[in-house]
Amino acid sequence: MKKLMSLCLLALILLLTGCSEKIPSVNTISVDKKGVVTYTVIEEFGKDFYDAEGLRADIEKEIGDYNRNFGSDPLTLKSLEVEDGSAVMQMQFTEARYYEDYYKAYSGGTLFVGTVKEAMDAGYELAGEFMAADGALTDISQLSGAESLKALITSEALTIQVPGDIQCVSPSGSVEITGKKEAVVSEEALQACIIYK
């Protein structure tokens, strides 16, 4: 009986740890299949300036103030961890437009997530050569089902994680594909673009 309980407990631990979501170790925007944006921010945490509870209270107040502008809560605090002199915060936005609206006051940053056609209709310039995942130059129009592919456009330097395989990125040299579903924007740009399935 003890052995059966131990095996059940071990299976439960493995199940729970296998299902946990890994928090990025650098500033990251992650987009899921439904378009939900999770923004992970990692900052040095000076205890002289804040304590962990004070920081959480300030962030929750700011989120509450922002959400009062809407009939729903487009922004939530997913997690906040403070340890070893760093604060790791994850904020979740129900859509990219709320991320852009919220951060416009801080950084003037851009974030668009939609189809290639929606991006072009919104005025984003997607003509010209892009860097394909294999390193070759390509034109978006040459990709299969080009208008229905997804586009993530940002002006911020950070890591980007998308739910589909990356097809190509802006050729400016500021965007590097680092995995099938991950790219790094190494410097702020007018328009860093990631095209994915």
C-alpha atoms as a PDB file:
ATOM      1  CA  MET A   1       0.000   0.000   0.000  1.00  0.00           C
ATOM      2  CA  LYS A   2       2.848   2.393   0.884  1.00  0.00           C
ATOM      3  CA  LYS A   3       4.525   1.622  -2.409  1.00  0.00           C
ATOM      4  CA  LEU A   4       1.306   2.372  -4.332  1.00  0.00           C
ATOM      5  CA  MET A   5       0.886   5.692  -2.492  1.00  0.00           C
ATOM      6  CA  SER A   6       4.500   6.611  -3.224  1.00  0.00           C
ATOM      7  CA  LEU A   7       4.050   5.829  -6.928  1.00  0.00           C
ATOM      8  CA  CYS A   8       0.829   7.886  -7.059  1.00  0.00           C
ATOM      9  CA  LEU A   9       2.542  10.798  -5.324  1.00  0.00           C
ATOM     10  CA  LEU A  10       5.516  10.616  -7.712  1.00  0.00           C
ATOM     11  CA  ALA A  11       3.175  10.497 -10.731  1.00  0.00           C
ATOM     12  CA  LEU A  12       1.306  13.556  -9.418  1.00  0.00           C
ATOM     13  CA  ILE A  13       4.537  15.503  -8.909  1.00  0.00           C
ATOM     14  CA  LEU A  14       5.738  14.620 -12.416  1.00  0.00           C
ATOM     15  CA  LEU A  15       2.368  15.594 -13.879  1.00  0.00           C
ATOM     16  CA  LEU A  16       2.316  18.950 -12.101  1.00  0.00           C
ATOM     17  CA  THR A  17       5.898  19.857 -12.941  1.00  0.00           C
ATOM     18  CA  GLY A  18       5.463  18.746 -16.551  1.00  0.00           C
ATOM     19  CA  CYS A  19       2.438  21.038 -16.977  1.00  0.00           C
ATOM     20  CA  SER A  20       4.011  24.112 -15.469  1.00  0.00           C
ATOM     21  CA  GLU A  21       4.819  26.955 -17.817  1.00  0.00           C
ATOM     22  CA  LYS A  22       8.438  28.031 -17.988  1.00  0.00           C
ATOM     23  CA  ILE A  23       8.920  31.732 -17.271  1.00  0.00           C
ATOM     24  CA  PRO A  24      11.358  33.366 -19.711  1.00  0.00           C
ATOM     25  CA  SER A  25      14.673  34.605 -18.328  1.00  0.00           C
ATOM     26  CA  VAL A  26      14.746  37.780 -20.481  1.00  0.00           C
ATOM     27  CA  ASN A  27      12.186  40.443 -21.393  1.00  0.00           C
ATOM     28  CA  THR A  28       9.755  38.602 -23.665  1.00  0.00           C
ATOM     29  CA  ILE A  29       6.469  38.998 -25.478  1.00  0.00           C
ATOM     30  CA  SER A  30       4.661  35.688 -25.946  1.00  0.00           C
ATOM     31  CA  VAL A  31       1.538  35.375 -28.072  1.00  0.00           C
ATOM     32  CA  ASP A  32      -0.713  32.327 -27.861  1.00  0.00           C
ATOM     33  CA  LYS A  33      -3.026  30.893 -30.544  1.00  0.00           C
ATOM     34  CA  LYS A  34      -5.936  33.015 -29.297  1.00  0.00           C
ATOM     35  CA  GLY A  35      -3.920  36.235 -29.550  1.00  0.00           C
ATOM     36  CA  VAL A  36      -3.407  36.634 -25.800  1.00  0.00           C
ATOM     37  CA  VAL A  37      -0.163  38.518 -25.133  1.00  0.00           C
ATOM     38  CA  THR A  38       2.001  37.735 -22.100  1.00  0.00           C
ATOM     39  CA  TYR A  39       4.686  40.310 -21.380  1.00  0.00           C
ATOM     40  CA  THR A  40       7.512  39.142 -19.133  1.00  0.00           C
ATOM     41  CA  VAL A  41       9.637  41.917 -17.630  1.00  0.00           C
ATOM     42  CA  ILE A  42      12.800  41.303 -15.634  1.00  0.00           C
ATOM     43  CA  GLU A  43      14.208  44.258 -13.721  1.00  0.00           C
ATOM     44  CA  GLU A  44      16.729  44.837 -10.983  1.00  0.00           C
ATOM     45  CA  PHE A  45      14.893  45.234  -7.708  1.00  0.00           C
ATOM     46  CA  GLY A  46      16.273  47.754  -5.250  1.00  0.00           C
ATOM     47  CA  LYS A  47      14.974  47.080  -1.749  1.00  0.00           C
ATOM     48  CA  ASP A  48      15.698  50.692  -0.837  1.00  0.00           C
ATOM     49  CA  PHE A  49      13.065  51.845  -3.311  1.00  0.00           C
ATOM     50  CA  TYR A  50      10.336  49.185  -2.892  1.00  0.00           C
ATOM     51  CA  ASP A  51       9.424  46.165  -0.872  1.00  0.00           C
ATOM     52  CA  ALA A  52       7.797  43.210  -2.656  1.00  0.00           C
ATOM     53  CA  GLU A  53       4.321  43.825  -1.200  1.00  0.00           C
ATOM     54  CA  GLY A  54       4.520  47.540  -2.025  1.00  0.00           C
ATOM     55  CA  LEU A  55       5.560  46.761  -5.583  1.00  0.00           C
ATOM     56  CA  ARG A  56       2.669  44.291  -6.010  1.00  0.00           C
ATOM     57  CA  ALA A  57       0.181  46.792  -4.554  1.00  0.00           C
ATOM     58  CA  ASP A  58       1.388  49.568  -6.896  1.00  0.00           C
ATOM     59  CA  ILE A  59       1.190  47.297  -9.956  1.00  0.00           C
ATOM     60  CA  GLU A  60      -2.262  45.985  -9.040  1.00  0.00           C
ATOM     61  CA  LYS A  61      -3.513  49.557  -8.519  1.00  0.00           C
ATOM     62  CA  GLU A  62      -2.140  50.639 -11.885  1.00  0.00           C
ATOM     63  CA  ILE A  63      -3.731  47.625 -13.598  1.00  0.00           C
ATOM     64  CA  GLY A  64      -7.054  48.361 -11.876  1.00  0.00           C
ATOM     65  CA  ASP A  65      -6.899  51.996 -12.995  1.00  0.00           C
ATOM     66  CA  TYR A  66      -6.196  50.897 -16.574  1.00  0.00           C
ATOM     67  CA  ASN A  67      -8.992  48.298 -16.616  1.00  0.00           C
ATOM     68  CA  ARG A  68     -11.553  50.868 -15.421  1.00  0.00           C
ATOM     69  CA  ASN A  69     -11.435  52.318 -18.944  1.00  0.00           C
ATOM     70  CA  PHE A  70     -13.059  49.160 -20.323  1.00  0.00           C
ATOM     71  CA  GLY A  71     -16.109  46.994 -19.682  1.00  0.00           C
ATOM     72  CA  SER A  72     -13.825  44.019 -19.027  1.00  0.00           C
ATOM     73  CA  ASP A  73     -10.326  43.379 -17.702  1.00  0.00           C
ATOM     74  CA  PRO A  74      -8.024  43.350 -20.741  1.00  0.00           C
ATOM     75  CA  LEU A  75      -4.951  43.366 -18.465  1.00  0.00           C
ATOM     76  CA  THR A  76      -4.098  41.077 -15.561  1.00  0.00           C
ATOM     77  CA  LEU A  77      -1.033  40.473 -13.429  1.00  0.00           C
ATOM     78  CA  LYS A  78      -0.183  36.844 -14.177  1.00  0.00           C
ATOM     79  CA  SER A  79       2.750  36.613 -11.771  1.00  0.00           C
ATOM     80  CA  LEU A  80       5.249  38.648  -9.783  1.00  0.00           C
ATOM     81  CA  GLU A  81       8.314  37.100  -8.181  1.00  0.00           C
ATOM     82  CA  VAL A  82      10.988  39.002  -6.311  1.00  0.00           C
ATOM     83  CA  GLU A  83      14.219  37.224  -5.419  1.00  0.00           C
ATOM     84  CA  ASP A  84      17.983  37.610  -5.628  1.00  0.00           C
ATOM     85  CA  GLY A  85      17.782  41.329  -6.428  1.00  0.00           C
ATOM     86  CA  SER A  86      15.452  40.866  -9.432  1.00  0.00           C
ATOM     87  CA  ALA A  87      11.741  41.297  -9.990  1.00  0.00           C
ATOM     88  CA  VAL A  88      10.137  39.055 -12.615  1.00  0.00           C
ATOM     89  CA  MET A  89       6.682  40.199 -13.628  1.00  0.00           C
ATOM     90  CA  GLN A  90       4.290  38.708 -16.155  1.00  0.00           C
ATOM     91  CA  MET A  91       1.389  40.818 -17.376  1.00  0.00           C
ATOM     92  CA  GLN A  92      -1.262  39.308 -19.613  1.00  0.00           C
ATOM     93  CA  PHE A  93      -3.228  41.268 -22.226  1.00  0.00           C
ATOM     94  CA  THR A  94      -6.313  39.780 -23.895  1.00  0.00           C
ATOM     95  CA  GLU A  95      -5.231  41.350 -27.225  1.00  0.00           C
ATOM     96  CA  ALA A  96      -2.150  43.030 -28.697  1.00  0.00           C
ATOM     97  CA  ARG A  97      -3.992  46.346 -29.018  1.00  0.00           C
ATOM     98  CA  TYR A  98      -4.283  46.577 -25.220  1.00  0.00           C
ATOM     99  CA  TYR A  99      -0.534  45.986 -24.838  1.00  0.00           C
ATOM    100  CA  GLU A 100       0.168  48.763 -27.327  1.00  0.00           C
ATOM    101  CA  ASP A 101      -2.341  51.096 -25.649  1.00  0.00           C
ATOM    102  CA  TYR A 102      -0.953  50.427 -22.160  1.00  0.00           C
ATOM    103  CA  TYR A 103       2.723  50.804 -23.071  1.00  0.00           C
ATOM    104  CA  LYS A 104       2.356  53.780 -25.417  1.00  0.00           C
ATOM    105  CA  ALA A 105       2.621  56.051 -22.369  1.00  0.00           C
ATOM    106  CA  TYR A 106       5.907  54.418 -21.257  1.00  0.00           C
ATOM    107  CA  SER A 107       7.799  53.561 -24.386  1.00  0.00           C
ATOM    108  CA  GLY A 108       5.715  54.580 -27.370  1.00  0.00           C
ATOM    109  CA  GLY A 109       6.089  50.935 -28.383  1.00  0.00           C
ATOM    110  CA  THR A 110       4.212  49.246 -31.184  1.00  0.00           C
ATOM    111  CA  LEU A 111       2.696  45.786 -31.089  1.00  0.00           C
ATOM    112  CA  PHE A 112       0.524  44.429 -33.865  1.00  0.00           C
ATOM    113  CA  VAL A 113      -0.626  40.815 -34.099  1.00  0.00           C
ATOM    114  CA  GLY A 114      -2.869  39.691 -36.959  1.00  0.00           C
ATOM    115  CA  THR A 115      -2.765  38.303 -40.463  1.00  0.00           C
ATOM    116  CA  VAL A 116      -0.441  39.694 -43.117  1.00  0.00           C
ATOM    117  CA  LYS A 117      -3.521  41.107 -44.896  1.00  0.00           C
ATOM    118  CA  GLU A 118      -4.708  42.817 -41.686  1.00  0.00           C
ATOM    119  CA  ALA A 119      -1.234  44.297 -41.189  1.00  0.00           C
ATOM    120  CA  MET A 120      -1.187  45.709 -44.721  1.00  0.00           C
ATOM    121  CA  ASP A 121      -4.754  47.036 -44.289  1.00  0.00           C
ATOM    122  CA  ALA A 122      -3.587  48.746 -41.058  1.00  0.00           C
ATOM    123  CA  GLY A 123      -0.859  50.549 -43.027  1.00  0.00           C
ATOM    124  CA  TYR A 124       2.188  48.440 -42.198  1.00  0.00           C
ATOM    125  CA  GLU A 125       4.690  48.163 -45.049  1.00  0.00           C
ATOM    126  CA  LEU A 126       5.442  44.507 -45.758  1.00  0.00           C
ATOM    127  CA  ALA A 127       6.791  44.754 -49.299  1.00  0.00           C
ATOM    128  CA  GLY A 128      10.356  43.858 -50.154  1.00  0.00           C
ATOM    129  CA  GLU A 129      12.731  41.167 -49.035  1.00  0.00           C
ATOM    130  CA  PHE A 130      12.540  39.320 -45.741  1.00  0.00           C
ATOM    131  CA  MET A 131      14.988  36.869 -44.168  1.00  0.00           C
ATOM    132  CA  ALA A 132      13.576  33.328 -44.318  1.00  0.00           C
ATOM    133  CA  ALA A 133      14.090  30.824 -41.503  1.00  0.00           C
ATOM    134  CA  ASP A 134      16.777  29.099 -43.603  1.00  0.00           C
ATOM    135  CA  GLY A 135      18.709  32.384 -44.000  1.00  0.00           C
ATOM    136  CA  ALA A 136      17.730  33.030 -47.620  1.00  0.00           C
ATOM    137  CA  LEU A 137      16.079  36.261 -48.717  1.00  0.00           C
ATOM    138  CA  THR A 138      12.413  35.941 -49.675  1.00  0.00           C
ATOM    139  CA  ASP A 139       9.389  38.041 -50.489  1.00  0.00           C
ATOM    140  CA  ILE A 140       6.261  37.489 -48.395  1.00  0.00           C
ATOM    141  CA  SER A 141       4.139  37.187 -51.548  1.00  0.00           C
ATOM    142  CA  GLN A 142       6.190  34.105 -52.520  1.00  0.00           C
ATOM    143  CA  LEU A 143       5.173  32.257 -49.342  1.00  0.00           C
ATOM    144  CA  SER A 144       2.315  29.780 -49.555  1.00  0.00           C
ATOM    145  CA  GLY A 145      -0.961  31.361 -48.336  1.00  0.00           C
ATOM    146  CA  ALA A 146       0.857  34.652 -47.724  1.00  0.00           C
ATOM    147  CA  GLU A 147      -2.147  36.822 -46.824  1.00  0.00           C
ATOM    148  CA  SER A 148      -3.397  34.355 -44.217  1.00  0.00           C
ATOM    149  CA  LEU A 149      -0.004  34.008 -42.507  1.00  0.00           C
ATOM    150  CA  LYS A 150       0.312  35.813 -39.169  1.00  0.00           C
ATOM    151  CA  ALA A 151       2.385  38.940 -38.618  1.00  0.00           C
ATOM    152  CA  LEU A 152       3.787  40.236 -35.346  1.00  0.00           C
ATOM    153  CA  ILE A 153       5.151  43.748 -35.620  1.00  0.00           C
ATOM    154  CA  THR A 154       6.955  45.534 -32.801  1.00  0.00           C
ATOM    155  CA  SER A 155       9.271  48.475 -32.290  1.00  0.00           C
ATOM    156  CA  GLU A 156      10.811  47.171 -29.065  1.00  0.00           C
ATOM    157  CA  ALA A 157      14.010  45.221 -28.425  1.00  0.00           C
ATOM    158  CA  LEU A 158      13.032  41.934 -26.758  1.00  0.00           C
ATOM    159  CA  THR A 159      12.468  38.236 -27.302  1.00  0.00           C
ATOM    160  CA  ILE A 160       9.333  37.247 -29.211  1.00  0.00           C
ATOM    161  CA  GLN A 161       7.590  33.869 -28.883  1.00  0.00           C
ATOM    162  CA  VAL A 162       4.791  32.997 -31.307  1.00  0.00           C
ATOM    163  CA  PRO A 163       2.456  29.965 -31.458  1.00  0.00           C
ATOM    164  CA  GLY A 164       3.323  28.962 -35.047  1.00  0.00           C
ATOM    165  CA  ASP A 165       6.490  28.251 -36.995  1.00  0.00           C
ATOM    166  CA  ILE A 166       8.346  31.409 -38.066  1.00  0.00           C
ATOM    167  CA  GLN A 167       8.524  31.752 -41.848  1.00  0.00           C
ATOM    168  CA  CYS A 168      10.560  34.952 -42.161  1.00  0.00           C
ATOM    169  CA  VAL A 169      11.588  38.153 -40.376  1.00  0.00           C
ATOM    170  CA  SER A 170      12.563  41.722 -41.214  1.00  0.00           C
ATOM    171  CA  PRO A 171      15.918  41.707 -42.999  1.00  0.00           C
ATOM    172  CA  SER A 172      17.259  44.727 -41.109  1.00  0.00           C
ATOM    173  CA  GLY A 173      19.665  42.648 -39.043  1.00  0.00           C
ATOM    174  CA  SER A 174      17.897  43.649 -35.845  1.00  0.00           C
ATOM    175  CA  VAL A 175      15.722  40.483 -35.868  1.00  0.00           C
ATOM    176  CA  GLU A 176      17.245  37.025 -35.483  1.00  0.00           C
ATOM    177  CA  ILE A 177      15.348  33.742 -35.575  1.00  0.00           C
ATOM    178  CA  THR A 178      16.530  31.770 -32.534  1.00  0.00           C
ATOM    179  CA  GLY A 179      14.069  28.860 -32.684  1.00  0.00           C
ATOM    180  CA  LYS A 180      11.132  27.531 -34.694  1.00  0.00           C
ATOM    181  CA  LYS A 181       8.780  29.769 -32.711  1.00  0.00           C
ATOM    182  CA  GLU A 182      11.160  32.341 -31.251  1.00  0.00           C
ATOM    183  CA  ALA A 183      13.000  35.416 -32.493  1.00  0.00           C
ATOM    184  CA  VAL A 184      15.031  38.159 -30.830  1.00  0.00           C
ATOM    185  CA  VAL A 185      14.695  41.814 -31.728  1.00  0.00           C
ATOM    186  CA  SER A 186      18.129  43.076 -30.705  1.00  0.00           C
ATOM    187  CA  GLU A 187      17.526  46.803 -31.022  1.00  0.00           C
ATOM    188  CA  GLU A 188      14.566  49.132 -31.108  1.00  0.00           C
ATOM    189  CA  ALA A 189      13.343  49.554 -34.664  1.00  0.00           C
ATOM    190  CA  LEU A 190      10.619  51.406 -36.477  1.00  0.00           C
ATOM    191  CA  GLN A 191       9.144  48.103 -37.545  1.00  0.00           C
ATOM    192  CA  ALA A 192      10.556  44.697 -36.648  1.00  0.00           C
ATOM    193  CA  CYS A 193       8.340  42.092 -38.289  1.00  0.00           C
ATOM    194  CA  ILE A 194       7.979  38.363 -37.700  1.00  0.00           C
ATOM    195  CA  ILE A 195       5.849  36.323 -40.127  1.00  0.00           C
ATOM    196  CA  TYR A 196       4.617  32.945 -38.851  1.00  0.00           C
ATOM    197  CA  LYS A 197       2.077  30.198 -39.584  1.00  0.00           C
END
